């Protein structure tokens, strides 16, 4: 599932290959992905404009448009990928986000597209159809971005509550960008049980977790995605904690399948 690192890769694709190109057509016919807009509504708002700046906070992206046009919001969902194709259909830029078996040039699952005056297009390729495209998305509701959250902001996000610490990490209104795998990695690095109630975390716990979140996000962005995180090979039946060799355990925490070391993560 795309988390902050994968969305940052997609943002970079748009910035490199789609900015300052005039939009001449829009396919917004998928009423589920483009909800609540009616077919043609996004097209009418964007044709003739260009994407000028691309932003990201957490897992959400949005693009400013020329001539004080509307903001175009793009969310990858669980399987979405941004691809920029040439006039002949050749894939020009798809970033480094893992493909899940999709071959270059396979656009069968395109759910939304922008066509440019100089040929080619920006595509949202999304096999599971769980992405989202909308105008003027409510990005102000998101918490601070996990890649550059300050220590004070981080502590504020964990100031109170009985929720398990993993559930709070996954709350996009508290901290934007952390998904299931990043949360498991950060908690493992910090040696904190995902089930610990937020109110039981000490100042030292929060300091360790803060450093672990920044380290996990930075490592995944540098290496190309959350699938590269060091704990991933051990999140499986029979997996052993790579630090102490104890069998990893699993349960549902915060509504997500969670793996942790029962000896070190207390």
Protein backbone atom coordinates (compact mmCIF):
# COMPACT_ATOMS: atom_id res chain seq x y z
CA UNK A 1 0.00 0.00 0.00
CA UNK A 2 1.38 3.43 -0.84
CA UNK A 3 2.58 5.28 2.23
CA UNK A 4 4.45 8.57 2.47
CA UNK A 5 7.57 7.38 0.55
CA UNK A 6 5.55 6.07 -2.40
CA UNK A 7 3.47 9.24 -2.56
CA UNK A 8 6.64 11.34 -2.48
CA UNK A 9 7.88 9.32 -5.45
CA UNK A 10 4.61 10.05 -7.28
CA UNK A 11 4.86 13.75 -6.42
CA UNK A 12 8.35 13.82 -7.89
CA UNK A 13 7.09 12.20 -11.12
CA UNK A 14 4.52 14.96 -11.56
CA UNK A 15 7.07 17.65 -10.74
CA UNK A 16 9.58 16.26 -13.23
CA UNK A 17 7.33 15.38 -16.12
CA UNK A 18 3.91 17.07 -15.94
CA UNK A 19 4.34 20.63 -14.63
CA UNK A 20 3.93 23.54 -17.08
CA UNK A 21 2.31 21.43 -19.81
CA UNK A 22 -1.04 22.72 -21.11
CA UNK A 23 -3.98 20.42 -20.46
CA UNK A 24 -6.17 19.81 -23.52
CA UNK A 25 -8.33 16.96 -22.27
CA UNK A 26 -9.27 15.19 -19.05
CA UNK A 27 -10.79 11.74 -18.59
CA UNK A 28 -12.79 12.04 -15.38
CA UNK A 29 -15.45 9.50 -16.32
CA UNK A 30 -14.83 7.16 -13.37
CA UNK A 31 -17.51 8.38 -10.99
CA UNK A 32 -16.13 6.41 -8.02
CA UNK A 33 -12.55 7.67 -8.24
CA UNK A 34 -13.69 11.22 -9.09
CA UNK A 35 -16.50 11.47 -6.55
CA UNK A 36 -18.25 13.74 -5.65
CA UNK A 37 -17.77 15.31 -9.09
CA UNK A 38 -20.02 14.49 -12.02
CA UNK A 39 -18.32 13.32 -15.24
CA UNK A 40 -16.96 16.34 -17.07
CA UNK A 41 -16.81 18.61 -14.01
CA UNK A 42 -13.08 18.20 -13.42
CA UNK A 43 -12.48 18.40 -17.19
CA UNK A 44 -14.30 21.71 -17.45
CA UNK A 45 -12.24 23.12 -14.58
CA UNK A 46 -8.83 22.05 -15.92
CA UNK A 47 -8.80 22.17 -19.73
CA UNK A 48 -6.63 25.05 -20.90
CA UNK A 49 -4.72 25.28 -17.63
CA UNK A 50 -1.35 23.90 -16.53
CA UNK A 51 -0.18 22.26 -13.32
CA UNK A 52 2.15 24.79 -11.70
CA UNK A 53 3.28 23.34 -8.35
CA UNK A 54 2.95 19.92 -6.77
CA UNK A 55 2.59 19.49 -3.01
CA UNK A 56 2.45 16.54 -0.64
CA UNK A 57 1.47 16.13 2.99
CA UNK A 58 1.51 12.60 4.28
CA UNK A 59 -0.20 10.35 1.75
CA UNK A 60 -2.04 13.19 0.00
CA UNK A 61 -0.91 15.14 -3.07
CA UNK A 62 -2.33 18.23 -4.65
CA UNK A 63 -1.43 20.42 -7.61
CA UNK A 64 -1.93 24.15 -8.03
CA UNK A 65 -3.15 25.18 -11.46
CA UNK A 66 -2.52 28.25 -13.60
CA UNK A 67 -4.66 31.39 -13.76
CA UNK A 68 -5.90 30.95 -10.18
CA UNK A 69 -7.53 27.70 -11.15
CA UNK A 70 -8.76 25.05 -8.74
CA UNK A 71 -6.46 22.77 -6.77
CA UNK A 72 -6.31 19.22 -8.14
CA UNK A 73 -6.11 16.63 -5.36
CA UNK A 74 -4.81 13.11 -6.07
CA UNK A 75 -4.77 10.24 -3.58
CA UNK A 76 -3.21 6.95 -4.63
CA UNK A 77 -5.38 4.74 -2.43
CA UNK A 78 -4.00 1.24 -1.92
CA UNK A 79 -2.69 0.43 -5.39
CA UNK A 80 -2.48 3.65 -7.36
CA UNK A 81 0.54 4.80 -9.35
CA UNK A 82 1.21 8.00 -11.27
CA UNK A 83 2.63 7.47 -14.76
CA UNK A 84 3.50 10.06 -17.41
CA UNK A 85 3.33 8.64 -20.94
CA UNK A 86 4.56 10.05 -24.25
CA UNK A 87 2.46 10.74 -27.31
CA UNK A 88 3.19 7.24 -28.59
CA UNK A 89 2.17 5.62 -25.32
CA UNK A 90 5.75 5.01 -24.21
CA UNK A 91 6.14 5.33 -20.47
CA UNK A 92 8.31 8.38 -19.86
CA UNK A 93 8.29 8.51 -16.07
CA UNK A 94 6.78 6.29 -13.43
CA UNK A 95 9.14 6.93 -10.55
CA UNK A 96 10.60 4.14 -8.50
CA UNK A 97 7.45 2.93 -6.73
CA UNK A 98 7.22 -0.85 -6.95
CA UNK A 99 5.05 -2.14 -9.73
CA UNK A 100 3.07 -5.04 -8.19
CA UNK A 101 3.56 -6.92 -11.46
CA UNK A 102 2.51 -4.11 -13.82
CA UNK A 103 4.66 -4.03 -16.96
CA UNK A 104 5.72 -0.68 -18.40
CA UNK A 105 3.08 0.49 -20.87
CA UNK A 106 0.26 -1.50 -19.24
CA UNK A 107 -2.43 1.16 -18.73
CA UNK A 108 -5.46 -1.13 -18.48
CA UNK A 109 -6.35 0.18 -15.05
CA UNK A 110 -6.17 3.90 -15.78
CA UNK A 111 -8.88 5.61 -13.72
CA UNK A 112 -8.09 9.26 -14.49
CA UNK A 113 -5.92 11.07 -17.02
CA UNK A 114 -4.77 14.49 -18.17
CA UNK A 115 -3.83 14.87 -21.84
CA UNK A 116 -1.27 17.52 -22.76
CA UNK A 117 -1.06 19.80 -25.81
CA UNK A 118 2.45 18.57 -26.67
CA UNK A 119 1.32 14.94 -26.67
CA UNK A 120 1.27 12.38 -23.91
CA UNK A 121 -0.63 12.22 -20.69
CA UNK A 122 -0.53 11.93 -16.92
CA UNK A 123 -2.30 8.76 -15.79
CA UNK A 124 -3.56 7.43 -12.47
CA UNK A 125 -3.17 3.66 -12.91
CA UNK A 126 -5.08 1.93 -10.11
CA UNK A 127 -5.97 -1.78 -10.34
CA UNK A 128 -8.03 -1.81 -7.13
CA UNK A 129 -9.84 1.43 -7.96
CA UNK A 130 -9.33 2.87 -4.50
CA UNK A 131 -7.58 6.09 -5.51
CA UNK A 132 -9.29 9.45 -5.40
CA UNK A 133 -9.20 12.56 -7.58
CA UNK A 134 -11.07 15.68 -6.55
CA UNK A 135 -10.95 19.44 -6.79
CA UNK A 136 -9.96 21.54 -3.77
CA UNK A 137 -9.34 18.65 -1.33
CA UNK A 138 -9.50 19.37 2.44
CA UNK A 139 -5.76 19.04 3.06
CA UNK A 140 -5.87 21.40 6.05
CA UNK A 141 -7.51 18.60 8.04
CA UNK A 142 -4.29 16.55 7.91
CA UNK A 143 -1.78 16.50 10.72
CA UNK A 144 1.89 17.51 10.35
CA UNK A 145 3.84 15.60 7.72
CA UNK A 146 5.75 12.63 9.17
CA UNK A 147 8.86 13.48 7.15
CA UNK A 148 9.45 16.83 8.82
CA UNK A 149 7.28 16.90 11.93
CA UNK A 150 8.94 18.76 14.80
CA UNK A 151 9.55 17.20 18.19
CA UNK A 152 7.01 19.58 19.76
CA UNK A 153 4.36 18.65 17.17
CA UNK A 154 5.09 14.97 17.72
CA UNK A 155 4.69 15.24 21.47
CA UNK A 156 1.44 17.14 21.02
CA UNK A 157 0.06 14.32 18.88
CA UNK A 158 0.64 11.92 21.79
CA UNK A 159 -0.33 14.25 24.61
CA UNK A 160 -3.31 12.24 25.82
CA UNK A 161 -5.68 9.39 25.09
CA UNK A 162 -6.21 5.69 25.69
CA UNK A 163 -5.72 4.59 22.08
CA UNK A 164 -2.90 2.14 21.35
CA UNK A 165 0.23 3.92 20.18
CA UNK A 166 0.03 2.24 16.78
CA UNK A 167 -3.51 3.53 16.23
CA UNK A 168 -2.32 7.06 16.97
CA UNK A 169 0.58 6.67 14.51
CA UNK A 170 -1.95 5.66 11.84
CA UNK A 171 -4.27 8.60 12.55
CA UNK A 172 -3.70 10.94 9.61
CA UNK A 173 -5.22 13.86 11.50
CA UNK A 174 -2.53 13.44 14.17
CA UNK A 175 0.47 12.71 11.93
CA UNK A 176 0.15 12.53 8.16
CA UNK A 177 1.91 9.85 6.14
CA UNK A 178 2.44 6.85 8.41
CA UNK A 179 0.83 3.61 7.26
CA UNK A 180 0.91 0.07 8.54
CA UNK A 181 4.47 -0.84 7.57
CA UNK A 182 6.07 2.45 8.61
CA UNK A 183 4.32 2.17 11.99
CA UNK A 184 5.60 -1.37 12.59
CA UNK A 185 9.13 -0.34 11.61
CA UNK A 186 9.18 2.73 13.86
CA UNK A 187 7.77 0.87 16.86
CA UNK A 188 10.30 -1.92 16.39
CA UNK A 189 13.18 0.57 16.19
CA UNK A 190 11.90 2.37 19.30
CA UNK A 191 11.28 -0.91 21.20
CA UNK A 192 7.71 0.04 22.04
CA UNK A 193 4.75 -2.33 21.96
CA UNK A 194 2.11 -1.29 19.41
CA UNK A 195 -0.52 -2.00 22.11
CA UNK A 196 0.82 0.50 24.65
CA UNK A 197 -1.81 3.15 25.44
CA UNK A 198 -0.75 6.61 24.37
CA UNK A 199 -1.16 7.96 27.91
CA UNK A 200 1.40 5.45 29.23
CA UNK A 201 4.24 6.68 27.00
CA UNK A 202 7.03 8.43 28.88
CA UNK A 203 9.03 11.39 27.62
CA UNK A 204 11.89 9.00 26.83
CA UNK A 205 9.49 6.71 24.94
CA UNK A 206 8.30 9.64 22.83
CA UNK A 207 11.83 10.79 22.12
CA UNK A 208 12.79 7.30 20.91
CA UNK A 209 9.66 6.99 18.83
CA UNK A 210 10.13 10.42 17.29
CA UNK A 211 13.66 9.53 16.18
CA UNK A 212 12.45 6.15 14.93
CA UNK A 213 9.68 7.72 12.82
CA UNK A 214 12.09 10.13 11.14
CA UNK A 215 14.63 7.36 10.57
CA UNK A 216 12.01 5.00 9.11
CA UNK A 217 10.54 7.59 6.77
CA UNK A 218 13.99 8.75 5.64
CA UNK A 219 15.18 5.21 4.96
CA UNK A 220 12.08 4.31 2.96
CA UNK A 221 12.20 7.49 0.87
CA UNK A 222 15.89 6.95 0.10
CA UNK A 223 15.46 3.27 -0.81
CA UNK A 224 12.32 3.64 -2.93
CA UNK A 225 9.43 2.59 -0.71
CA UNK A 226 8.17 0.95 2.46
CA UNK A 227 8.78 -2.52 1.01
CA UNK A 228 12.52 -1.87 1.62
CA UNK A 229 12.17 -1.36 5.39
CA UNK A 230 14.40 -3.63 7.45
CA UNK A 231 11.60 -5.28 9.44
CA UNK A 232 9.57 -6.35 6.39
CA UNK A 233 11.20 -9.80 5.84
CA UNK A 234 10.36 -10.75 9.44
CA UNK A 235 6.67 -9.76 9.40
CA UNK A 236 5.50 -13.30 8.64
CA UNK A 237 4.68 -16.59 10.33
CA UNK A 238 7.96 -18.05 11.57
CA UNK A 239 9.73 -14.70 11.34
CA UNK A 240 12.32 -14.05 14.06
CA UNK A 241 13.20 -10.65 15.47
CA UNK A 242 16.49 -9.74 13.76
CA UNK A 243 17.86 -8.27 17.01
CA UNK A 244 17.22 -11.06 19.52
CA UNK A 245 15.94 -14.06 17.51
CA UNK A 246 12.61 -14.26 19.36
CA UNK A 247 9.61 -15.28 17.18
CA UNK A 248 7.62 -12.25 16.06
CA UNK A 249 3.98 -12.13 17.15
CA UNK A 250 0.99 -10.72 15.33
CA UNK A 251 -2.44 -9.29 16.13
CA UNK A 252 -4.88 -6.67 14.93
CA UNK A 253 -3.95 -3.29 16.41
CA UNK A 254 -5.62 -0.11 15.25
CA UNK A 255 -7.55 -2.22 12.76
CA UNK A 256 -4.38 -3.35 10.98
CA UNK A 257 -2.33 -6.56 10.96
CA UNK A 258 0.61 -5.80 13.24
CA UNK A 259 3.90 -7.59 13.94
CA UNK A 260 6.27 -6.99 16.83
CA UNK A 261 8.91 -8.56 19.07
CA UNK A 262 7.29 -9.63 22.36
CA UNK A 263 10.56 -9.51 24.30
CA UNK A 264 11.95 -6.12 23.29
CA UNK A 265 8.80 -4.18 22.49
CA UNK A 266 7.20 -3.57 25.87
